[in-house]
Protein backbone atom coordinates (compact mmCIF):
# COMPACT_ATOMS: atom_id res chain seq x y z
CA MET A 1 0.00 0.00 0.00
CA LYS A 2 1.13 3.54 -0.78
CA LYS A 3 2.72 5.51 2.06
CA TYR A 4 0.33 8.08 3.52
CA ASN A 5 1.19 10.90 5.89
CA LEU A 6 -1.70 10.08 8.23
CA LEU A 7 -3.64 6.86 8.86
CA VAL A 8 -7.01 7.19 10.61
CA GLY A 9 -8.76 4.17 12.11
CA ILE A 10 -12.56 4.50 12.41
CA LEU A 11 -14.02 2.26 15.09
CA ALA A 12 -17.40 0.76 14.15
CA ALA A 13 -19.37 -2.32 15.26
CA SER A 14 -19.33 -5.82 13.84
CA SER A 15 -22.41 -7.13 12.06
CA PRO A 16 -24.18 -10.43 12.81
CA THR A 17 -25.03 -10.67 9.09
CA ASN A 18 -22.84 -10.41 6.00
CA GLN A 19 -22.30 -6.66 6.36
CA LEU A 20 -18.69 -5.60 6.74
CA PHE A 21 -19.54 -3.37 9.70
CA ILE A 22 -22.35 -1.38 11.30
CA GLY A 23 -21.88 2.39 11.21
CA ASN A 24 -22.43 5.59 9.27
CA VAL A 25 -21.33 4.39 5.83
CA TYR A 26 -21.86 7.74 4.11
CA LEU A 27 -19.79 9.62 6.68
CA PHE A 28 -16.99 7.08 6.53
CA LYS A 29 -16.83 7.36 2.73
CA GLN A 30 -16.64 11.14 2.90
CA ILE A 31 -13.84 11.00 5.48
CA GLN A 32 -11.86 8.76 3.14
CA LEU A 33 -12.34 11.16 0.22
CA GLN A 34 -11.33 14.17 2.34
CA LEU A 35 -8.18 12.47 3.64
CA LEU A 36 -7.09 11.36 0.17
CA LYS A 37 -6.97 15.03 -0.86
CA ARG A 38 -4.29 15.56 1.81
CA ASN A 39 -2.35 12.33 1.22
CA GLY A 40 -4.06 10.73 4.20
CA PHE A 41 -6.02 7.49 4.42
CA SER A 42 -8.68 5.93 6.61
CA PHE A 43 -10.04 2.48 7.28
CA VAL A 44 -12.96 1.09 9.27
CA PHE A 45 -12.49 -1.66 11.83
CA THR A 46 -14.38 -3.41 14.63
CA PRO A 47 -13.10 -4.55 18.04
CA GLN A 48 -12.77 -8.11 16.75
CA ASP A 49 -10.42 -6.99 13.95
CA VAL A 50 -7.49 -5.97 16.17
CA HIS A 51 -4.55 -8.40 16.43
CA LYS A 52 -1.51 -7.29 18.42
CA LYS A 53 -0.07 -4.56 16.18
CA GLU A 54 -2.10 -5.21 13.04
CA ILE A 55 -5.76 -4.67 12.18
CA ASN A 56 -8.00 -6.35 9.60
CA GLY A 57 -9.75 -3.30 8.22
CA VAL A 58 -11.91 -2.24 5.31
CA TYR A 59 -11.52 0.88 3.20
CA TYR A 60 -13.56 2.63 0.57
CA ASP A 61 -12.05 2.61 -2.93
CA PRO A 62 -13.59 5.56 -4.82
CA ILE A 63 -12.39 4.27 -8.21
CA LYS A 64 -14.01 0.87 -7.81
CA ASN A 65 -16.84 2.37 -5.71
CA ARG A 66 -16.69 -0.48 -3.24
CA TRP A 67 -15.35 -1.46 0.17
CA LEU A 68 -12.28 -3.67 0.23
CA LYS A 69 -10.56 -5.63 2.99
CA THR A 70 -6.86 -5.54 3.78
CA LEU A 71 -4.41 -5.70 6.67
CA PHE A 72 -3.39 -2.36 8.22
CA PRO A 73 -0.76 -1.31 10.73
CA LEU A 74 -1.94 0.48 13.84
CA PRO A 75 -3.35 3.91 12.90
CA HIS A 76 -2.01 7.29 14.00
CA ILE A 77 -5.37 8.25 15.48
CA ILE A 78 -8.70 6.54 16.19
CA TYR A 79 -12.09 8.10 15.56
CA ASN A 80 -14.56 6.35 17.86
CA ARG A 81 -17.90 5.92 16.10
CA TYR A 82 -18.98 2.75 17.86
CA PRO A 83 -22.78 3.02 17.50
CA PHE A 84 -24.26 0.97 20.34
CA ARG A 85 -24.65 2.66 23.70
CA GLU A 86 -25.89 -0.48 25.46
CA ASP A 87 -22.72 -2.54 24.95
CA GLU A 88 -20.18 0.24 24.58
CA HIS A 89 -18.38 -1.05 27.69
CA LYS A 90 -16.99 -3.83 25.48
CA ILE A 91 -14.69 -1.42 23.64
CA GLN A 92 -13.08 0.23 26.68
CA ARG A 93 -10.39 -2.45 26.94
CA LEU A 94 -9.52 -1.89 23.28
CA LEU A 95 -9.25 1.86 23.76
CA LYS A 96 -6.99 1.40 26.78
CA LYS A 97 -4.79 -0.83 24.64
CA MET A 98 -4.54 1.92 22.03
CA GLU A 99 -3.60 4.36 24.79
CA SER A 100 -0.75 2.05 25.81
CA PHE A 101 0.55 2.39 22.24
CA GLN A 102 0.22 6.20 22.60
CA ILE A 103 -2.43 6.34 19.88
CA PRO A 104 -4.78 9.29 20.49
CA TYR A 105 -8.51 8.85 20.02
CA PHE A 106 -11.82 10.62 20.47
CA ASN A 107 -14.46 10.40 21.73
CA ARG A 108 -14.29 7.95 24.62
CA SER A 109 -17.98 7.09 24.98
CA PHE A 110 -21.60 8.15 24.79
CA PHE A 111 -22.64 10.57 27.49
CA ASN A 112 -24.82 9.88 30.50
CA LYS A 113 -27.15 12.89 30.55
CA TRP A 114 -27.30 13.19 34.32
CA THR A 115 -23.52 12.95 34.68
CA ILE A 116 -23.09 15.66 32.05
CA TYR A 117 -25.65 17.87 33.78
CA LYS A 118 -23.74 17.67 37.05
CA GLN A 119 -20.40 18.32 35.38
CA LEU A 120 -21.59 21.35 33.42
CA SER A 121 -23.39 22.74 36.45
CA THR A 122 -20.10 22.96 38.36
CA ASN A 123 -18.87 25.49 35.77
CA ARG A 124 -19.97 28.92 37.07
CA THR A 125 -19.93 30.39 33.56
CA LEU A 126 -22.18 27.64 32.20
CA LYS A 127 -24.59 27.25 35.11
CA PRO A 128 -26.96 30.08 34.00
CA PHE A 129 -27.38 28.32 30.64
CA ILE A 130 -28.32 24.90 32.11
CA PRO A 131 -32.02 24.21 32.87
CA ILE A 132 -32.69 23.28 36.50
CA SER A 133 -32.91 19.51 36.84
CA SER A 134 -33.27 16.88 39.55
CA PHE A 135 -32.61 13.14 39.61
CA ILE A 136 -35.71 11.02 40.20
CA GLU A 137 -35.47 8.48 43.00
CA THR A 138 -38.93 8.63 44.51
CA GLU A 139 -42.43 9.93 43.82
CA LYS A 140 -41.72 12.88 46.09
CA ASP A 141 -38.91 14.05 43.79
CA VAL A 142 -41.36 14.47 40.92
CA PHE A 143 -44.16 16.23 42.76
CA SER A 144 -41.86 18.56 44.71
CA PHE A 145 -40.34 19.63 41.38
CA LEU A 146 -43.74 20.11 39.73
CA ASN A 147 -45.04 22.14 42.67
CA LYS A 148 -42.20 24.56 42.02
CA PHE A 149 -42.01 24.63 38.20
CA HIS A 150 -45.46 23.29 37.11
CA ARG A 151 -44.18 22.18 33.68
CA ALA A 152 -41.32 19.73 33.16
CA TYR A 153 -39.71 17.09 30.97
CA LEU A 154 -38.68 13.67 32.22
CA LYS A 155 -35.64 12.26 30.44
CA PRO A 156 -33.85 8.90 30.60
CA VAL A 157 -30.19 9.38 31.54
CA SER A 158 -28.98 7.13 28.71
CA SER A 159 -30.79 7.66 25.43
CA SER A 160 -30.70 9.75 22.27
CA GLN A 161 -32.93 11.22 19.55
CA GLY A 162 -35.67 12.07 22.03
CA LYS A 163 -36.38 8.43 22.91
CA GLY A 164 -38.27 7.90 26.15
CA ILE A 165 -38.93 11.58 26.89
CA LEU A 166 -42.11 12.42 28.83
CA LYS A 167 -43.71 15.78 29.51
CA ILE A 168 -45.86 16.69 32.51
CA THR A 169 -47.90 19.82 33.12
CA GLN A 170 -49.59 20.57 36.41
CA ASN A 171 -53.21 21.71 36.16
CA SER A 172 -53.82 21.97 39.90
CA SER A 173 -52.45 20.45 43.07
CA GLN A 174 -54.29 17.22 42.24
CA THR A 175 -54.46 16.83 38.43
CA TYR A 176 -51.83 16.68 35.72
CA ASN A 177 -51.39 16.14 32.00
CA LEU A 178 -48.86 13.53 30.87
CA TYR A 179 -47.51 13.40 27.31
CA THR A 180 -45.41 10.84 25.45
CA LYS A 181 -44.28 10.93 21.84
CA ASN A 182 -47.49 9.23 20.70
CA ARG A 183 -50.04 9.61 23.48
CA SER A 184 -51.49 12.08 25.95
CA PHE A 185 -53.19 11.51 29.30
CA GLU A 186 -55.14 14.52 30.52
CA ASN A 187 -56.44 15.41 33.97
CA VAL A 188 -54.67 12.49 35.58
CA LEU A 189 -55.09 12.36 39.34
CA LYS A 190 -51.95 12.70 41.42
CA GLU A 191 -52.20 9.19 42.83
CA GLU A 192 -52.52 7.74 39.29
CA LEU A 193 -49.74 9.75 37.69
CA TRP A 194 -46.85 8.04 39.44
CA ASN A 195 -48.16 4.59 38.42
CA LYS A 196 -48.40 5.64 34.77
CA MET A 197 -44.91 7.16 34.90
CA GLN A 198 -43.40 3.97 36.31
CA LEU A 199 -44.94 1.92 33.51
CA LEU A 200 -43.53 4.30 30.91
CA MET A 201 -40.07 4.61 32.46
CA ILE A 202 -39.58 0.80 32.54
CA ASN A 203 -37.11 0.76 35.43
CA THR A 204 -34.74 3.10 33.60
CA PRO A 205 -33.05 5.95 35.55
CA TYR A 206 -34.68 9.31 34.77
CA PHE A 207 -34.24 12.92 35.75
CA ILE A 208 -36.74 15.77 35.65
CA GLN A 209 -35.96 19.11 33.98
CA GLU A 210 -37.78 22.44 33.95
CA GLU A 211 -39.52 23.32 30.69
CA ILE A 212 -38.08 26.42 29.01
CA GLN A 213 -40.73 28.64 27.43
CA SER A 214 -39.24 28.55 23.96
CA ASP A 215 -39.25 31.23 21.33
CA ASP A 216 -41.41 30.48 18.30
CA VAL A 217 -41.33 31.16 14.58
CA ASN A 218 -44.24 30.81 12.15
CA GLY A 219 -46.36 29.55 15.04
CA MET A 220 -43.93 26.75 15.88
CA LYS A 221 -41.54 26.55 18.80
CA TYR A 222 -37.96 25.79 17.80
CA ASP A 223 -34.56 24.92 19.16
CA LEU A 224 -31.03 24.84 17.81
CA ARG A 225 -28.73 21.97 16.85
CA ILE A 226 -25.15 23.20 17.13
CA LEU A 227 -22.21 21.19 15.76
CA VAL A 228 -18.96 21.91 17.61
CA HIS A 229 -15.32 21.00 16.87
CA LEU A 230 -12.01 21.52 18.58
CA ASN A 231 -9.92 23.98 16.55
CA GLN A 232 -6.39 24.16 17.98
CA THR A 233 -7.21 25.14 21.58
CA THR A 234 -10.76 26.49 21.16
CA TYR A 235 -14.07 24.70 20.78
CA GLU A 236 -15.91 26.51 18.00
CA PRO A 237 -19.42 26.19 16.55
CA THR A 238 -19.17 24.66 13.10
CA GLY A 239 -22.78 25.23 12.15
CA ILE A 240 -26.21 25.87 13.61
CA GLY A 241 -29.33 24.05 12.46
CA VAL A 242 -32.91 24.89 13.43
CA ARG A 243 -35.52 22.28 14.34
CA ALA A 244 -39.15 23.29 14.88
CA ILE A 245 -42.33 21.54 15.99
CA GLU A 246 -46.02 22.19 16.31
CA LYS A 247 -46.80 23.05 19.91
CA ASN A 248 -48.46 19.72 20.71
CA TYR A 249 -45.24 17.75 20.06
CA ILE A 250 -42.73 17.14 22.84
CA THR A 251 -39.46 16.80 20.90
CA THR A 252 -38.05 18.52 17.82
CA HIS A 253 -36.13 15.51 16.49
CA VAL A 254 -37.05 15.10 12.82
CA PRO A 255 -37.93 11.35 13.05
CA ASN A 256 -40.41 12.30 15.78
CA GLY A 257 -42.19 15.03 13.84
CA GLY A 258 -39.68 17.89 13.88
CA GLN A 259 -39.11 20.13 10.87
CA ILE A 260 -35.89 21.62 9.51
CA LEU A 261 -35.97 25.40 9.12
CA PRO A 262 -33.30 27.68 7.60
CA PHE A 263 -31.12 29.37 10.22
CA GLN A 264 -31.70 32.72 8.51
CA LEU A 265 -35.26 32.72 9.89
CA VAL A 266 -34.00 33.13 13.45
CA GLU A 267 -30.41 34.33 13.00
CA SER A 268 -31.14 37.88 14.14
CA ARG A 269 -32.55 36.54 17.43
CA ILE A 270 -29.42 34.53 18.35
CA GLN A 271 -26.60 36.11 20.31
CA ARG A 272 -23.53 34.66 18.63
CA ASP A 273 -21.19 35.66 21.44
CA GLN A 274 -23.38 33.60 23.76
CA VAL A 275 -23.13 30.63 21.38
CA ASP A 276 -19.33 30.93 21.17
CA LEU A 277 -18.99 31.15 24.94
CA ILE A 278 -21.19 28.13 25.60
CA CYS A 279 -19.46 25.94 22.99
CA ASN A 280 -15.96 26.69 24.27
CA GLU A 281 -16.83 26.33 27.95
CA ILE A 282 -18.66 23.04 27.40
CA GLY A 283 -15.81 21.65 25.29
CA HIS A 284 -13.16 22.40 27.90
CA THR A 285 -15.35 21.19 30.77
CA LEU A 286 -16.03 17.88 29.02
CA THR A 287 -12.36 17.43 28.13
CA TYR A 288 -11.42 17.98 31.78
CA HIS A 289 -13.73 15.15 32.84
CA HIS A 290 -13.56 12.76 29.85
CA GLY A 291 -10.29 13.29 28.02
CA VAL A 292 -10.05 14.90 24.59
CA ILE A 293 -13.47 15.63 23.10
CA GLY A 294 -12.86 16.34 19.44
CA GLU A 295 -16.46 17.02 18.47
CA PHE A 296 -19.93 17.13 19.95
CA SER A 297 -23.32 18.60 19.21
CA LEU A 298 -25.69 20.57 21.40
CA ASP A 299 -29.47 20.76 21.60
CA VAL A 300 -30.19 24.31 22.71
CA ALA A 301 -33.47 26.01 23.59
CA VAL A 302 -33.97 29.72 22.87
CA SER A 303 -36.15 31.44 25.45
CA LYS A 304 -38.65 34.21 24.69
CA ASN A 305 -36.08 36.83 25.72
CA GLY A 306 -33.29 35.29 23.63
CA LYS A 307 -31.38 33.48 26.37
CA LEU A 308 -29.92 30.09 25.47
CA TYR A 309 -30.42 26.92 27.50
CA VAL A 310 -28.44 23.75 26.80
CA PHE A 311 -30.55 20.67 27.38
CA GLU A 312 -28.49 17.97 25.67
CA VAL A 313 -24.88 17.27 24.69
CA ASN A 314 -24.21 14.50 22.15
CA SER A 315 -20.74 12.94 21.96
CA LYS A 316 -21.31 11.26 18.59
CA PRO A 317 -23.30 13.71 16.46
CA MET A 318 -25.67 12.39 13.85
CA LYS A 319 -25.32 13.59 10.28
CA PHE A 320 -26.59 17.15 9.83
CA ASP A 321 -29.10 17.39 7.00
CA GLU A 322 -27.88 20.90 6.15
CA LYS A 323 -25.27 20.28 3.44
CA LYS A 324 -23.12 23.30 4.29
CA ILE A 325 -22.91 22.29 7.95
CA PHE A 326 -22.03 18.70 7.03
CA GLN A 327 -19.29 19.76 4.61
CA LYS A 328 -17.77 22.28 7.01
CA GLY A 329 -17.90 19.69 9.76
CA LEU A 330 -16.11 17.19 7.55
CA ALA A 331 -13.33 19.70 6.81
CA ARG A 332 -12.91 20.53 10.50
CA LEU A 333 -12.92 16.86 11.41
CA THR A 334 -10.13 16.20 8.92
CA ASN A 335 -8.12 19.12 10.30
CA LEU A 336 -8.61 17.67 13.77
CA PHE A 337 -7.26 14.28 12.70
CA TYR A 338 -4.08 16.02 11.61
CA GLN A 339 -3.94 18.21 14.70
CA LEU A 340 -4.24 15.29 17.11
CA GLY A 341 -2.67 12.47 15.11
CA TYR A 342 0.04 13.90 12.90
CA HIS A 343 2.30 14.99 15.74
CA GLU A 344 2.14 11.50 17.20
CA LYS A 345 2.91 10.05 13.79
CA VAL A 346 6.02 12.17 13.37
CA GLN A 347 7.29 10.99 16.76
CA SER A 348 6.88 7.31 15.89
């Protein structure tokens, strides 16, 4: 194989069928094409493919337009895109092995939402931008919170794409409305609400979070999806997407009914210095607790008075549908591979 100035290993999951791997095929192809422009190369591998100091990997050949298998040396950097949260613990041993070979990688794992909330809340600069939340251990935790805030979201600590989110509004001291993605229960008595919640939460840890009265556009409330990358020593927003929903929906994720709107519709309402501050502070706070975080995305609410509230941080961002954001993100990701991996390569 031709000598390349940087070799990037992309960690994916093995497939129980005849697929070569499970992962974001389109993204992995685009990474390969970007690296080739800079005399770099990438390959995809799974935990089962690693053997001492060699890896059985697959790479995308743009001329043949197909994936091919071959044997690779250890890469100069690893991009962790392992897709399964529930068995991610299986790859930690592999990542520690790569560390012993002084191979940098990002990102270490999916985030636990409650852990991230606590970590960000310790940052005095960030705390005003984090919605008030409380971990749910007992029935009392829920009703004490609702008596104070009256409207709240209940979120599983380990999930993504809006899965499992519930919404509760308090009508009076004795009746409540409960909403899921597909159903609504109105005027539920207090003594019945906790039973319904337990059935819906299925023994999964949850926390409760105040509802932010979001700004709206064209009669729909909206929030922001912000893609962030490390650029030298600063975490910078790469692009901002807008997701909007009709007011009877509880999450703006597109698969759950959200709509994509052009950023220009709300751009004048967004304080960019606030965005820059939040992105950089979150990036450095996460890196302090989790090691190098090369990229992440934020779900951010915009209040009626223009203040931003961060309600989710995603360590492995999904593909942005906005083409300009995706392409800029790809360029920054490639730069980051060289920033983190090339120095190590030169030393080896």
